[in-house]
């Protein structure tokens, strides 16, 4: 079991490691802030959304569907569809949660975003990291996300076209960098290609965001079946 000072070091290391991607998180967070004010979402509602949900893609969908009479059921189903990927994310984090309580897992998982998950996974392949590293990264990303979204909301009246400042590209840039950092060589080729193909087909054939789930699960099953075949 890690000692208290070791956990604090892990939290600090996780926070520091995520600082480079935090700038991009704040940038595309500002886009959400601009969209939120155009949908008449108050900055308090946006901040509460950040803290309680803390899922960028889901929040973009929520804001896009926001209206005076909220379609609660439709929004809930859309958010669930997008966030199903956290089943796979949680499974991949099993090694760093080994030996911890269920309550600890719940607390840590709330601060899991795509960015600090990817950074933690990459760090775990190079050495021993704990859930403290994941938590520190989550604090960094959450802070950047709140700063970006609230700043965008406050300045939204002056930025009518975020694409003109290339703020929308920040989302693509950060996930491209994270994807490259997770590349392990030729063993990843087949799962990644499978995920991409299934996601493209599902996006064309299925409504909503189901392509995220189909692509993710399809790509994850490839190495499982490959290992069974080898055995």
Protein backbone atom coordinates (compact mmCIF):
# COMPACT_ATOMS: atom_id res chain seq x y z
CA UNK A 1 0.00 0.00 0.00
CA UNK A 2 1.26 3.46 -0.90
CA UNK A 3 2.16 5.78 1.96
CA UNK A 4 0.56 9.21 2.27
CA UNK A 5 3.54 11.12 0.89
CA UNK A 6 3.79 8.69 -2.04
CA UNK A 7 0.13 9.26 -2.91
CA UNK A 8 0.69 13.02 -2.79
CA UNK A 9 3.66 12.62 -5.13
CA UNK A 10 1.53 10.57 -7.53
CA UNK A 11 -1.22 13.22 -7.51
CA UNK A 12 1.35 15.94 -8.20
CA UNK A 13 2.97 13.90 -10.97
CA UNK A 14 -0.40 13.20 -12.58
CA UNK A 15 -1.39 16.86 -12.42
CA UNK A 16 1.92 17.96 -13.96
CA UNK A 17 1.86 15.32 -16.70
CA UNK A 18 -1.54 16.55 -17.91
CA UNK A 19 -0.60 20.23 -18.11
CA UNK A 20 0.40 20.05 -21.81
CA UNK A 21 -3.02 18.73 -22.85
CA UNK A 22 -4.83 21.01 -20.38
CA UNK A 23 -4.22 24.00 -22.68
CA UNK A 24 -6.11 22.26 -25.51
CA UNK A 25 -8.84 21.19 -23.08
CA UNK A 26 -9.35 24.81 -22.07
CA UNK A 27 -9.39 25.86 -25.73
CA UNK A 28 -12.18 23.53 -26.83
CA UNK A 29 -13.89 24.10 -23.50
CA UNK A 30 -14.20 27.74 -24.52
CA UNK A 31 -16.10 26.59 -27.62
CA UNK A 32 -18.65 24.88 -25.36
CA UNK A 33 -18.92 28.09 -23.35
CA UNK A 34 -19.68 30.09 -26.51
CA UNK A 35 -22.31 27.57 -27.59
CA UNK A 36 -23.81 27.54 -24.08
CA UNK A 37 -24.47 31.27 -23.97
CA UNK A 38 -26.05 31.07 -27.43
CA UNK A 39 -28.42 28.44 -26.00
CA UNK A 40 -29.18 30.63 -22.96
CA UNK A 41 -27.40 28.32 -20.53
CA UNK A 42 -26.27 30.37 -17.52
CA UNK A 43 -22.67 30.21 -16.32
CA UNK A 44 -23.83 28.66 -13.03
CA UNK A 45 -25.71 25.91 -14.89
CA UNK A 46 -22.63 25.35 -17.03
CA UNK A 47 -20.34 25.15 -13.98
CA UNK A 48 -22.68 22.67 -12.24
CA UNK A 49 -22.72 20.64 -15.45
CA UNK A 50 -18.90 20.63 -15.48
CA UNK A 51 -18.62 19.39 -11.90
CA UNK A 52 -21.48 16.88 -11.88
CA UNK A 53 -21.05 15.36 -15.36
CA UNK A 54 -17.47 16.24 -16.37
CA UNK A 55 -17.69 14.69 -19.83
CA UNK A 56 -16.90 17.02 -22.71
CA UNK A 57 -18.60 15.18 -25.56
CA UNK A 58 -21.74 14.58 -23.47
CA UNK A 59 -21.88 18.23 -22.48
CA UNK A 60 -21.65 19.31 -26.12
CA UNK A 61 -24.64 17.07 -26.87
CA UNK A 62 -26.57 18.41 -23.86
CA UNK A 63 -25.98 22.03 -24.83
CA UNK A 64 -26.90 21.28 -28.44
CA UNK A 65 -30.23 19.78 -27.27
CA UNK A 66 -30.85 22.54 -24.69
CA UNK A 67 -34.17 24.38 -24.97
CA UNK A 68 -36.75 26.06 -22.76
CA UNK A 69 -38.57 22.76 -22.24
CA UNK A 70 -35.76 20.25 -21.72
CA UNK A 71 -36.17 16.86 -23.48
CA UNK A 72 -34.89 15.05 -20.39
CA UNK A 73 -35.39 11.49 -21.65
CA UNK A 74 -33.76 12.18 -25.02
CA UNK A 75 -30.80 13.95 -23.39
CA UNK A 76 -30.34 11.12 -20.86
CA UNK A 77 -30.30 8.44 -23.56
CA UNK A 78 -27.88 10.42 -25.72
CA UNK A 79 -25.49 10.96 -22.80
CA UNK A 80 -25.69 7.28 -21.81
CA UNK A 81 -24.88 6.23 -25.37
CA UNK A 82 -21.79 8.42 -25.47
CA UNK A 83 -20.59 7.49 -21.99
CA UNK A 84 -20.88 3.73 -22.52
CA UNK A 85 -17.22 3.93 -23.56
CA UNK A 86 -16.34 4.39 -19.88
CA UNK A 87 -17.10 0.69 -19.41
CA UNK A 88 -14.07 -0.04 -21.57
CA UNK A 89 -12.05 2.76 -19.99
CA UNK A 90 -12.81 1.45 -16.51
CA UNK A 91 -11.82 -2.08 -17.52
CA UNK A 92 -8.47 -0.86 -18.85
CA UNK A 93 -7.75 0.84 -15.50
CA UNK A 94 -8.28 -2.34 -13.49
CA UNK A 95 -4.53 -2.85 -12.73
CA UNK A 96 -4.14 0.52 -10.99
CA UNK A 97 -7.29 -0.03 -8.90
CA UNK A 98 -6.27 -3.50 -7.74
CA UNK A 99 -6.68 -3.82 -3.97
CA UNK A 100 -8.75 -0.63 -3.53
CA UNK A 101 -12.30 -0.36 -2.19
CA UNK A 102 -15.43 0.11 -4.31
CA UNK A 103 -15.96 3.56 -2.77
CA UNK A 104 -12.43 4.58 -3.76
CA UNK A 105 -13.08 3.44 -7.33
CA UNK A 106 -16.30 5.47 -7.54
CA UNK A 107 -14.55 8.61 -6.28
CA UNK A 108 -11.63 8.25 -8.66
CA UNK A 109 -13.70 7.34 -11.73
CA UNK A 110 -15.73 10.53 -11.52
CA UNK A 111 -12.62 12.48 -12.47
CA UNK A 112 -11.68 10.20 -15.36
CA UNK A 113 -11.65 11.95 -18.72
CA UNK A 114 -10.25 10.73 -22.01
CA UNK A 115 -7.12 12.85 -21.53
CA UNK A 116 -6.00 11.79 -18.05
CA UNK A 117 -7.03 8.20 -18.79
CA UNK A 118 -4.73 8.15 -21.82
CA UNK A 119 -1.88 9.81 -19.90
CA UNK A 120 -2.26 7.35 -17.00
CA UNK A 121 -2.36 4.36 -19.33
CA UNK A 122 0.77 5.57 -21.14
CA UNK A 123 2.57 6.18 -17.82
CA UNK A 124 1.59 2.75 -16.48
CA UNK A 125 3.36 1.11 -19.41
CA UNK A 126 6.58 2.86 -18.44
CA UNK A 127 6.44 2.33 -14.69
CA UNK A 128 4.29 1.88 -11.60
CA UNK A 129 1.47 4.42 -11.21
CA UNK A 130 -1.46 4.46 -8.81
CA UNK A 131 -4.98 5.86 -8.83
CA UNK A 132 -3.44 9.00 -7.31
CA UNK A 133 -1.78 9.70 -10.65
CA UNK A 134 -5.16 9.36 -12.36
CA UNK A 135 -6.80 11.61 -9.75
CA UNK A 136 -4.13 14.30 -10.13
CA UNK A 137 -4.60 14.28 -13.88
CA UNK A 138 -8.35 14.54 -13.40
CA UNK A 139 -7.96 17.61 -11.18
CA UNK A 140 -5.77 19.22 -13.85
CA UNK A 141 -8.22 18.50 -16.68
CA UNK A 142 -11.27 19.54 -14.63
CA UNK A 143 -9.61 22.84 -13.70
CA UNK A 144 -8.71 23.56 -17.33
CA UNK A 145 -12.19 22.54 -18.49
CA UNK A 146 -13.90 24.88 -16.01
CA UNK A 147 -11.58 27.77 -16.87
CA UNK A 148 -12.14 27.24 -20.60
CA UNK A 149 -15.92 26.82 -20.50
CA UNK A 150 -16.56 29.73 -18.15
CA UNK A 151 -14.16 32.00 -20.07
CA UNK A 152 -15.90 31.09 -23.33
CA UNK A 153 -19.27 31.76 -21.73
CA UNK A 154 -18.19 35.16 -20.46
CA UNK A 155 -16.68 36.13 -23.82
CA UNK A 156 -19.37 34.40 -25.88
CA UNK A 157 -21.16 37.61 -26.72
CA UNK A 158 -18.04 38.77 -28.60
CA UNK A 159 -17.20 35.45 -30.32
CA UNK A 160 -20.05 34.57 -32.64
CA UNK A 161 -17.97 32.26 -34.83
CA UNK A 162 -15.49 30.11 -32.83
CA UNK A 163 -14.38 28.32 -36.02
CA UNK A 164 -12.81 31.57 -37.22
CA UNK A 165 -10.27 31.26 -34.39
CA UNK A 166 -9.73 27.53 -35.00
CA UNK A 167 -10.94 26.78 -31.46
CA UNK A 168 -12.93 23.82 -32.77
CA UNK A 169 -9.72 22.22 -34.06
CA UNK A 170 -8.28 22.02 -30.52
CA UNK A 171 -10.56 19.03 -29.83
CA UNK A 172 -9.16 17.14 -32.84
CA UNK A 173 -5.56 18.11 -32.07
CA UNK A 174 -5.52 16.89 -28.47
CA UNK A 175 -7.10 13.52 -29.29
CA UNK A 176 -4.72 13.00 -32.19
CA UNK A 177 -1.80 13.55 -29.81
CA UNK A 178 -3.30 11.20 -27.21
CA UNK A 179 -3.90 8.50 -29.80
CA UNK A 180 -0.30 8.66 -31.01
CA UNK A 181 0.97 8.41 -27.41
CA UNK A 182 -0.93 5.11 -26.97
CA UNK A 183 0.45 3.48 -30.13
CA UNK A 184 2.35 0.28 -29.25
CA UNK A 185 3.32 -0.94 -32.70
CA UNK A 186 1.98 -3.49 -35.18
CA UNK A 187 -0.10 -5.29 -32.53
CA UNK A 188 -2.42 -2.27 -32.51
CA UNK A 189 -2.95 -2.16 -36.27
CA UNK A 190 -5.82 -4.67 -36.55
CA UNK A 191 -7.81 -3.48 -33.47
CA UNK A 192 -7.51 0.16 -34.52
CA UNK A 193 -8.49 -0.49 -38.13
CA UNK A 194 -11.42 -2.62 -36.97
CA UNK A 195 -12.60 0.12 -34.60
CA UNK A 196 -12.38 2.77 -37.33
CA UNK A 197 -14.24 0.67 -39.93
CA UNK A 198 -17.02 -0.32 -37.50
CA UNK A 199 -17.38 3.28 -36.29
CA UNK A 200 -17.69 4.62 -39.85
CA UNK A 201 -20.28 1.98 -40.82
CA UNK A 202 -22.26 2.53 -37.59
CA UNK A 203 -22.22 6.31 -38.04
CA UNK A 204 -23.85 5.84 -41.44
CA UNK A 205 -26.40 3.23 -40.34
CA UNK A 206 -27.28 4.04 -36.72
CA UNK A 207 -28.72 7.24 -35.19
CA UNK A 208 -27.03 9.30 -32.51
CA UNK A 209 -23.60 8.45 -31.10
CA UNK A 210 -23.77 4.65 -31.13
CA UNK A 211 -20.76 4.53 -33.46
CA UNK A 212 -18.57 5.36 -30.45
CA UNK A 213 -19.71 2.25 -28.61
CA UNK A 214 -19.72 -0.07 -31.64
CA UNK A 215 -16.25 1.01 -32.74
CA UNK A 216 -14.81 0.81 -29.23
CA UNK A 217 -16.22 -2.61 -28.38
CA UNK A 218 -15.39 -4.03 -31.81
CA UNK A 219 -11.78 -2.89 -31.57
CA UNK A 220 -11.48 -4.18 -27.99
CA UNK A 221 -12.74 -7.65 -28.93
CA UNK A 222 -10.05 -8.22 -31.56
CA UNK A 223 -7.13 -8.79 -29.13
CA UNK A 224 -9.39 -10.93 -26.91
CA UNK A 225 -10.25 -13.31 -29.75
CA UNK A 226 -6.65 -13.25 -30.97
CA UNK A 227 -5.36 -14.40 -27.56
CA UNK A 228 -7.98 -17.15 -27.37
CA UNK A 229 -6.99 -18.33 -30.83
CA UNK A 230 -3.31 -18.46 -29.82
CA UNK A 231 -4.15 -20.50 -26.71
